[in-house]
N, C-alpha and C. Protein backbone atom coordinates (compact mmCIF):
# COMPACT_ATOMS: atom_id res chain seq x y z
N UNK A 1 -23.34 -16.70 -1.04
CA UNK A 1 -24.02 -15.83 -1.95
C UNK A 1 -23.82 -16.31 -3.38
N UNK A 2 -24.79 -16.11 -4.19
CA UNK A 2 -24.74 -16.56 -5.58
C UNK A 2 -24.24 -15.45 -6.49
N UNK A 3 -23.60 -15.86 -7.58
CA UNK A 3 -23.24 -14.89 -8.61
C UNK A 3 -24.50 -14.55 -9.39
N UNK A 4 -24.40 -13.57 -10.26
CA UNK A 4 -25.56 -13.18 -11.05
C UNK A 4 -26.02 -14.34 -11.94
N UNK A 5 -25.07 -15.05 -12.51
CA UNK A 5 -25.40 -16.20 -13.36
C UNK A 5 -26.09 -17.31 -12.56
N UNK A 6 -25.57 -17.58 -11.37
CA UNK A 6 -26.17 -18.62 -10.52
C UNK A 6 -27.58 -18.21 -10.08
N UNK A 7 -27.75 -16.95 -9.73
CA UNK A 7 -29.06 -16.48 -9.30
C UNK A 7 -30.08 -16.59 -10.43
N UNK A 8 -29.64 -16.29 -11.66
CA UNK A 8 -30.54 -16.41 -12.81
C UNK A 8 -30.95 -17.87 -13.02
N UNK A 9 -30.02 -18.78 -12.84
CA UNK A 9 -30.33 -20.22 -12.98
C UNK A 9 -31.35 -20.65 -11.94
N UNK A 10 -31.12 -20.25 -10.67
CA UNK A 10 -32.04 -20.61 -9.59
C UNK A 10 -33.43 -20.04 -9.90
N UNK A 11 -33.49 -18.81 -10.36
CA UNK A 11 -34.77 -18.18 -10.69
C UNK A 11 -35.46 -18.94 -11.83
N UNK A 12 -34.69 -19.27 -12.86
CA UNK A 12 -35.24 -19.94 -14.03
C UNK A 12 -35.68 -21.37 -13.70
N UNK A 13 -34.86 -22.12 -12.98
CA UNK A 13 -35.14 -23.54 -12.73
C UNK A 13 -36.10 -23.74 -11.56
N UNK A 14 -35.85 -23.02 -10.48
CA UNK A 14 -36.64 -23.24 -9.27
C UNK A 14 -37.74 -22.22 -9.07
N UNK A 15 -37.65 -21.12 -9.78
CA UNK A 15 -38.69 -20.11 -9.66
C UNK A 15 -38.59 -19.28 -8.39
N UNK A 16 -37.41 -19.26 -7.75
CA UNK A 16 -37.23 -18.44 -6.54
C UNK A 16 -35.99 -17.57 -6.71
N UNK A 17 -35.96 -16.50 -5.98
CA UNK A 17 -34.80 -15.61 -6.04
C UNK A 17 -33.70 -16.09 -5.12
N UNK A 18 -32.46 -15.91 -5.54
CA UNK A 18 -31.31 -16.28 -4.72
C UNK A 18 -30.57 -15.02 -4.31
N UNK A 19 -30.01 -15.04 -3.10
CA UNK A 19 -29.21 -13.91 -2.65
C UNK A 19 -27.94 -13.84 -3.49
N UNK A 20 -27.61 -12.65 -3.93
CA UNK A 20 -26.44 -12.49 -4.78
C UNK A 20 -25.30 -11.85 -4.00
N UNK A 21 -24.08 -12.29 -4.35
CA UNK A 21 -22.89 -11.71 -3.73
C UNK A 21 -22.69 -10.30 -4.26
N UNK A 22 -22.27 -9.42 -3.38
CA UNK A 22 -21.95 -8.07 -3.79
C UNK A 22 -20.48 -8.05 -4.19
N UNK A 23 -20.20 -7.71 -5.44
CA UNK A 23 -18.79 -7.71 -5.86
C UNK A 23 -18.00 -6.64 -5.11
N UNK A 24 -16.74 -6.96 -4.81
CA UNK A 24 -15.87 -5.99 -4.16
C UNK A 24 -15.62 -4.84 -5.12
N UNK A 25 -15.46 -3.65 -4.58
CA UNK A 25 -15.18 -2.49 -5.42
C UNK A 25 -13.74 -2.61 -5.89
N UNK A 26 -13.53 -2.69 -7.20
CA UNK A 26 -12.16 -2.79 -7.69
C UNK A 26 -11.40 -1.51 -7.42
N UNK A 27 -10.08 -1.62 -7.30
CA UNK A 27 -9.25 -0.45 -7.02
C UNK A 27 -9.45 0.64 -8.05
N UNK A 28 -9.73 0.24 -9.30
CA UNK A 28 -9.91 1.23 -10.36
C UNK A 28 -11.11 2.13 -10.09
N UNK A 29 -12.03 1.65 -9.29
CA UNK A 29 -13.22 2.45 -8.96
C UNK A 29 -13.02 3.28 -7.71
N UNK A 30 -11.89 3.10 -7.03
CA UNK A 30 -11.62 3.90 -5.85
C UNK A 30 -11.33 5.33 -6.29
N UNK A 31 -11.95 6.29 -5.66
CA UNK A 31 -11.63 7.68 -5.99
C UNK A 31 -10.16 7.98 -5.74
N UNK A 32 -9.62 8.90 -6.51
CA UNK A 32 -8.20 9.26 -6.40
C UNK A 32 -7.85 9.68 -4.98
N UNK A 33 -8.75 10.42 -4.34
CA UNK A 33 -8.47 10.87 -2.97
C UNK A 33 -8.33 9.69 -2.02
N UNK A 34 -9.08 8.61 -2.26
CA UNK A 34 -8.97 7.41 -1.41
C UNK A 34 -7.65 6.68 -1.65
N UNK A 35 -7.21 6.64 -2.91
CA UNK A 35 -5.91 6.02 -3.19
C UNK A 35 -4.79 6.80 -2.52
N UNK A 36 -4.88 8.12 -2.57
CA UNK A 36 -3.89 8.97 -1.91
C UNK A 36 -3.91 8.75 -0.40
N UNK A 37 -5.10 8.74 0.18
CA UNK A 37 -5.22 8.52 1.63
C UNK A 37 -4.71 7.13 2.02
N UNK A 38 -5.00 6.14 1.19
CA UNK A 38 -4.52 4.78 1.46
C UNK A 38 -3.01 4.75 1.54
N UNK A 39 -2.34 5.38 0.59
CA UNK A 39 -0.88 5.43 0.61
C UNK A 39 -0.38 6.21 1.82
N UNK A 40 -0.94 7.39 2.04
CA UNK A 40 -0.48 8.22 3.16
C UNK A 40 -0.67 7.52 4.50
N UNK A 41 -1.82 6.88 4.69
CA UNK A 41 -2.09 6.19 5.95
C UNK A 41 -1.14 5.02 6.17
N UNK A 42 -0.91 4.24 5.12
CA UNK A 42 -0.02 3.09 5.28
C UNK A 42 1.42 3.56 5.51
N UNK A 43 1.83 4.59 4.80
CA UNK A 43 3.18 5.13 4.98
C UNK A 43 3.32 5.71 6.38
N UNK A 44 2.31 6.40 6.88
CA UNK A 44 2.36 6.94 8.24
C UNK A 44 2.47 5.82 9.28
N UNK A 45 1.71 4.74 9.08
CA UNK A 45 1.78 3.61 10.02
C UNK A 45 3.18 3.00 10.03
N UNK A 46 3.76 2.82 8.84
CA UNK A 46 5.10 2.26 8.75
C UNK A 46 6.11 3.22 9.38
N UNK A 47 5.98 4.50 9.11
CA UNK A 47 6.89 5.49 9.70
C UNK A 47 6.80 5.50 11.22
N UNK A 48 5.59 5.34 11.76
CA UNK A 48 5.45 5.27 13.22
C UNK A 48 6.14 4.02 13.76
N UNK A 49 5.98 2.90 13.05
CA UNK A 49 6.66 1.67 13.45
C UNK A 49 8.17 1.83 13.40
N UNK A 50 8.66 2.48 12.34
CA UNK A 50 10.10 2.72 12.25
C UNK A 50 10.58 3.62 13.39
N UNK A 51 9.80 4.60 13.75
CA UNK A 51 10.17 5.49 14.86
C UNK A 51 10.22 4.73 16.18
N UNK A 52 9.24 3.81 16.38
CA UNK A 52 9.27 2.99 17.60
C UNK A 52 10.49 2.08 17.62
N UNK A 53 10.81 1.50 16.47
CA UNK A 53 11.99 0.64 16.38
C UNK A 53 13.25 1.46 16.61
N UNK A 54 13.29 2.64 16.05
CA UNK A 54 14.42 3.54 16.24
C UNK A 54 14.62 3.84 17.73
N UNK A 55 13.54 4.09 18.44
CA UNK A 55 13.63 4.38 19.88
C UNK A 55 14.18 3.17 20.64
N UNK A 56 13.70 1.98 20.29
CA UNK A 56 14.21 0.76 20.94
C UNK A 56 15.71 0.60 20.68
N UNK A 57 16.13 0.85 19.47
CA UNK A 57 17.54 0.71 19.12
C UNK A 57 18.39 1.74 19.85
N UNK A 58 17.87 2.95 19.98
CA UNK A 58 18.60 3.99 20.71
C UNK A 58 18.74 3.65 22.19
N UNK A 59 17.76 2.93 22.73
CA UNK A 59 17.79 2.55 24.14
C UNK A 59 18.66 1.34 24.42
N UNK A 60 19.20 0.73 23.37
CA UNK A 60 20.06 -0.42 23.57
C UNK A 60 21.46 0.05 23.98
N UNK A 61 22.26 -0.87 24.41
CA UNK A 61 23.65 -0.55 24.77
C UNK A 61 24.60 -0.81 23.61
N UNK A 62 24.04 -1.14 22.46
CA UNK A 62 24.85 -1.50 21.30
C UNK A 62 25.15 -0.26 20.46
N UNK A 63 26.44 0.08 20.35
CA UNK A 63 26.86 1.28 19.63
C UNK A 63 26.43 1.22 18.17
N UNK A 64 26.51 0.04 17.55
CA UNK A 64 26.12 -0.08 16.14
C UNK A 64 24.62 0.15 15.95
N UNK A 65 23.81 -0.41 16.85
CA UNK A 65 22.36 -0.20 16.76
C UNK A 65 22.00 1.26 16.96
N UNK A 66 22.68 1.91 17.86
CA UNK A 66 22.44 3.34 18.11
C UNK A 66 22.80 4.14 16.86
N UNK A 67 23.91 3.79 16.22
CA UNK A 67 24.33 4.48 15.00
C UNK A 67 23.34 4.24 13.86
N UNK A 68 22.87 3.00 13.71
CA UNK A 68 21.88 2.69 12.67
C UNK A 68 20.59 3.47 12.93
N UNK A 69 20.18 3.53 14.20
CA UNK A 69 18.96 4.27 14.54
C UNK A 69 19.11 5.75 14.20
N UNK A 70 20.30 6.27 14.38
CA UNK A 70 20.52 7.69 14.14
C UNK A 70 20.62 8.03 12.66
N UNK A 71 21.19 7.13 11.87
CA UNK A 71 21.49 7.50 10.49
C UNK A 71 20.89 6.62 9.40
N UNK A 72 20.35 5.47 9.74
CA UNK A 72 19.99 4.56 8.67
C UNK A 72 18.57 4.06 8.59
N UNK A 73 17.66 4.54 9.38
CA UNK A 73 16.32 3.95 9.42
C UNK A 73 15.42 4.39 8.27
N UNK A 74 15.57 5.59 7.78
CA UNK A 74 14.63 6.09 6.78
C UNK A 74 15.26 6.24 5.41
N UNK A 75 16.38 5.57 5.18
CA UNK A 75 17.07 5.70 3.90
C UNK A 75 16.97 4.48 3.02
N UNK A 76 15.81 3.86 2.96
CA UNK A 76 15.67 2.62 2.20
C UNK A 76 15.30 2.84 0.74
N UNK A 77 14.94 4.05 0.37
CA UNK A 77 14.62 4.35 -1.03
C UNK A 77 15.32 5.64 -1.41
N UNK A 78 15.22 5.96 -2.68
CA UNK A 78 15.92 7.13 -3.19
C UNK A 78 14.95 8.12 -3.82
N UNK A 79 13.86 8.39 -3.15
CA UNK A 79 12.92 9.39 -3.62
C UNK A 79 11.74 8.85 -4.41
N UNK A 80 11.64 7.53 -4.55
CA UNK A 80 10.51 6.97 -5.30
C UNK A 80 9.18 7.29 -4.64
N UNK A 81 9.16 7.45 -3.33
CA UNK A 81 7.93 7.83 -2.63
C UNK A 81 7.45 9.20 -3.04
N UNK A 82 8.38 10.09 -3.34
CA UNK A 82 8.03 11.43 -3.80
C UNK A 82 7.37 11.34 -5.17
N UNK A 83 7.90 10.47 -6.03
CA UNK A 83 7.30 10.28 -7.35
C UNK A 83 5.89 9.74 -7.26
N UNK A 84 5.66 8.83 -6.31
CA UNK A 84 4.32 8.29 -6.12
C UNK A 84 3.38 9.36 -5.58
N UNK A 85 3.82 10.14 -4.62
CA UNK A 85 2.97 11.22 -4.10
C UNK A 85 2.61 12.20 -5.22
N UNK A 86 3.57 12.55 -6.03
CA UNK A 86 3.32 13.46 -7.16
C UNK A 86 2.27 12.86 -8.09
N UNK A 87 2.44 11.59 -8.42
CA UNK A 87 1.48 10.94 -9.32
C UNK A 87 0.09 10.88 -8.71
N UNK A 88 0.00 10.63 -7.41
CA UNK A 88 -1.31 10.56 -6.75
C UNK A 88 -1.96 11.94 -6.66
N UNK A 89 -1.17 12.97 -6.41
CA UNK A 89 -1.71 14.34 -6.41
C UNK A 89 -2.21 14.72 -7.80
N UNK A 90 -1.44 14.35 -8.82
CA UNK A 90 -1.86 14.64 -10.19
C UNK A 90 -3.12 13.86 -10.55
N UNK A 91 -3.23 12.63 -10.07
CA UNK A 91 -4.44 11.84 -10.31
C UNK A 91 -5.64 12.51 -9.65
N UNK A 92 -5.46 12.97 -8.44
CA UNK A 92 -6.56 13.62 -7.72
C UNK A 92 -7.02 14.88 -8.44
N UNK A 93 -6.10 15.60 -9.08
CA UNK A 93 -6.42 16.85 -9.76
C UNK A 93 -6.82 16.64 -11.23
N UNK A 94 -6.73 15.41 -11.72
CA UNK A 94 -6.96 15.15 -13.14
C UNK A 94 -8.42 15.34 -13.52
N UNK A 95 -8.61 15.86 -14.73
CA UNK A 95 -9.95 15.95 -15.31
C UNK A 95 -10.35 14.55 -15.77
N UNK A 96 -11.62 14.33 -16.06
CA UNK A 96 -12.03 13.00 -16.54
C UNK A 96 -11.24 12.54 -17.76
N UNK A 97 -10.89 13.45 -18.63
CA UNK A 97 -10.11 13.10 -19.83
C UNK A 97 -8.69 12.68 -19.44
N UNK A 98 -8.12 13.32 -18.43
CA UNK A 98 -6.75 13.03 -18.00
C UNK A 98 -6.65 11.82 -17.08
N UNK A 99 -7.78 11.40 -16.52
CA UNK A 99 -7.76 10.35 -15.49
C UNK A 99 -7.11 9.04 -15.92
N UNK A 100 -7.40 8.48 -17.10
CA UNK A 100 -6.77 7.21 -17.46
C UNK A 100 -5.24 7.27 -17.46
N UNK A 101 -4.68 8.33 -18.03
CA UNK A 101 -3.23 8.48 -18.06
C UNK A 101 -2.67 8.71 -16.66
N UNK A 102 -3.37 9.52 -15.87
CA UNK A 102 -2.92 9.80 -14.51
C UNK A 102 -3.00 8.55 -13.64
N UNK A 103 -4.03 7.75 -13.83
CA UNK A 103 -4.17 6.50 -13.08
C UNK A 103 -3.06 5.53 -13.46
N UNK A 104 -2.75 5.45 -14.74
CA UNK A 104 -1.66 4.57 -15.19
C UNK A 104 -0.32 5.04 -14.62
N UNK A 105 -0.11 6.36 -14.56
CA UNK A 105 1.13 6.90 -14.00
C UNK A 105 1.24 6.60 -12.51
N UNK A 106 0.12 6.72 -11.79
CA UNK A 106 0.13 6.40 -10.35
C UNK A 106 0.39 4.92 -10.12
N UNK A 107 -0.21 4.08 -10.95
CA UNK A 107 -0.01 2.63 -10.83
C UNK A 107 1.45 2.28 -11.08
N UNK A 108 2.04 2.88 -12.08
CA UNK A 108 3.46 2.64 -12.40
C UNK A 108 4.36 3.13 -11.27
N UNK A 109 4.06 4.31 -10.74
CA UNK A 109 4.85 4.86 -9.64
C UNK A 109 4.76 3.97 -8.40
N UNK A 110 3.58 3.41 -8.14
CA UNK A 110 3.42 2.50 -7.00
C UNK A 110 4.24 1.24 -7.20
N UNK A 111 4.26 0.72 -8.42
CA UNK A 111 5.05 -0.48 -8.72
C UNK A 111 6.54 -0.22 -8.55
N UNK A 112 6.99 0.92 -9.04
CA UNK A 112 8.41 1.28 -8.93
C UNK A 112 8.80 1.45 -7.46
N UNK A 113 7.96 2.13 -6.70
CA UNK A 113 8.25 2.35 -5.28
C UNK A 113 8.30 1.03 -4.54
N UNK A 114 7.32 0.16 -4.78
CA UNK A 114 7.30 -1.14 -4.11
C UNK A 114 8.55 -1.94 -4.45
N UNK A 115 8.93 -1.94 -5.72
CA UNK A 115 10.12 -2.68 -6.13
C UNK A 115 11.35 -2.18 -5.38
N UNK A 116 11.51 -0.87 -5.30
CA UNK A 116 12.67 -0.30 -4.60
C UNK A 116 12.65 -0.64 -3.10
N UNK A 117 11.50 -0.52 -2.50
CA UNK A 117 11.40 -0.82 -1.07
C UNK A 117 11.67 -2.30 -0.81
N UNK A 118 11.02 -3.17 -1.58
CA UNK A 118 11.11 -4.60 -1.32
C UNK A 118 12.45 -5.21 -1.72
N UNK A 119 13.20 -4.55 -2.58
CA UNK A 119 14.51 -5.11 -2.94
C UNK A 119 15.59 -4.73 -1.94
N UNK A 120 15.27 -3.84 -1.02
CA UNK A 120 16.26 -3.44 -0.01
C UNK A 120 16.52 -4.62 0.91
N UNK A 121 17.79 -4.89 1.15
CA UNK A 121 18.15 -6.09 1.91
C UNK A 121 17.79 -6.04 3.39
N UNK A 122 17.42 -4.90 3.91
CA UNK A 122 17.10 -4.82 5.34
C UNK A 122 15.60 -4.90 5.65
N UNK A 123 14.76 -4.95 4.62
CA UNK A 123 13.31 -4.93 4.85
C UNK A 123 12.86 -6.09 5.73
N UNK A 124 13.31 -7.29 5.42
CA UNK A 124 12.90 -8.44 6.23
C UNK A 124 13.40 -8.31 7.66
N UNK A 125 14.61 -7.82 7.82
CA UNK A 125 15.16 -7.63 9.17
C UNK A 125 14.36 -6.60 9.95
N UNK A 126 13.97 -5.52 9.29
CA UNK A 126 13.18 -4.48 9.96
C UNK A 126 11.80 -5.04 10.34
N UNK A 127 11.15 -5.73 9.40
CA UNK A 127 9.82 -6.27 9.68
C UNK A 127 9.85 -7.36 10.75
N UNK A 128 10.95 -8.11 10.83
CA UNK A 128 11.07 -9.18 11.85
C UNK A 128 12.18 -8.83 12.83
N UNK A 129 12.15 -7.63 13.33
CA UNK A 129 13.22 -7.14 14.20
C UNK A 129 13.21 -7.87 15.55
N UNK A 130 14.37 -7.95 16.20
CA UNK A 130 14.46 -8.67 17.48
C UNK A 130 13.82 -7.94 18.66
N UNK A 131 13.36 -6.71 18.44
CA UNK A 131 12.72 -5.95 19.51
C UNK A 131 11.22 -6.20 19.58
N UNK A 132 10.69 -6.91 18.59
CA UNK A 132 9.26 -7.19 18.57
C UNK A 132 8.40 -6.00 18.20
N UNK A 133 8.99 -4.98 17.60
CA UNK A 133 8.25 -3.80 17.19
C UNK A 133 7.62 -4.08 15.83
N UNK A 134 6.30 -3.90 15.74
CA UNK A 134 5.62 -4.09 14.47
C UNK A 134 5.85 -2.87 13.59
N UNK A 135 6.46 -3.11 12.44
CA UNK A 135 6.70 -2.04 11.48
C UNK A 135 5.73 -2.19 10.30
N UNK A 136 5.67 -3.37 9.73
CA UNK A 136 4.67 -3.66 8.70
C UNK A 136 4.97 -3.13 7.32
N UNK A 137 6.23 -3.09 6.95
CA UNK A 137 6.55 -2.57 5.61
C UNK A 137 5.88 -3.43 4.55
N UNK A 138 6.06 -4.72 4.63
CA UNK A 138 5.46 -5.60 3.61
C UNK A 138 3.95 -5.70 3.77
N UNK A 139 3.48 -5.88 4.99
CA UNK A 139 2.05 -6.10 5.21
C UNK A 139 1.23 -4.85 4.96
N UNK A 140 1.64 -3.74 5.48
CA UNK A 140 0.83 -2.52 5.39
C UNK A 140 1.13 -1.71 4.12
N UNK A 141 2.38 -1.34 3.98
CA UNK A 141 2.76 -0.53 2.82
C UNK A 141 2.64 -1.35 1.54
N UNK A 142 3.07 -2.59 1.59
CA UNK A 142 2.99 -3.45 0.41
C UNK A 142 1.57 -3.62 -0.09
N UNK A 143 0.64 -3.82 0.83
CA UNK A 143 -0.76 -3.99 0.44
C UNK A 143 -1.32 -2.72 -0.19
N UNK A 144 -0.99 -1.57 0.36
CA UNK A 144 -1.45 -0.30 -0.21
C UNK A 144 -0.87 -0.08 -1.60
N UNK A 145 0.42 -0.38 -1.75
CA UNK A 145 1.05 -0.21 -3.06
C UNK A 145 0.46 -1.16 -4.10
N UNK A 146 0.14 -2.37 -3.68
CA UNK A 146 -0.52 -3.32 -4.60
C UNK A 146 -1.87 -2.80 -5.05
N UNK A 147 -2.62 -2.25 -4.12
CA UNK A 147 -3.94 -1.70 -4.47
C UNK A 147 -3.81 -0.58 -5.49
N UNK A 148 -2.86 0.30 -5.26
CA UNK A 148 -2.66 1.42 -6.18
C UNK A 148 -2.15 0.91 -7.53
N UNK A 149 -1.21 -0.01 -7.51
CA UNK A 149 -0.65 -0.56 -8.75
C UNK A 149 -1.70 -1.28 -9.58
N UNK A 150 -2.67 -1.88 -8.92
CA UNK A 150 -3.72 -2.62 -9.62
C UNK A 150 -4.92 -1.75 -9.99
N UNK A 151 -4.82 -0.46 -9.70
CA UNK A 151 -5.95 0.43 -9.96
C UNK A 151 -6.10 0.78 -11.43
N UNK A 152 -5.03 0.63 -12.19
CA UNK A 152 -5.10 1.02 -13.62
C UNK A 152 -5.68 -0.08 -14.47
């Protein structure tokens, strides 16, 4: 597909129309409700993966894995997800005048949350666990957080 500039050149030089590429919708154009749903869906997918991994660990004969499954699977952040949810709810409720500030706050909250999640030393181990359970913290949650962070 041609860009608008390329299509204009083809029209001007050759006298024919060229098919133009449709630009991807930037995250900034995504409605607030879609950004919220994107985060919730990716977080739900990761939480389901963590629950499946937790079940596998509980079914092992390893006392340490059973203990980790019982007490340590969902403690990788310190409430930053709550801050992001708050920012996304506020963005969804924002008036047009409030939207730029609310969008910037949601983008910042997504960046902070991603930083906290990704700096945790167990993320790689969880995502590449020996049980073969797909969790997708980096792939799923990370991609959603990047989209939200880049929305401002």
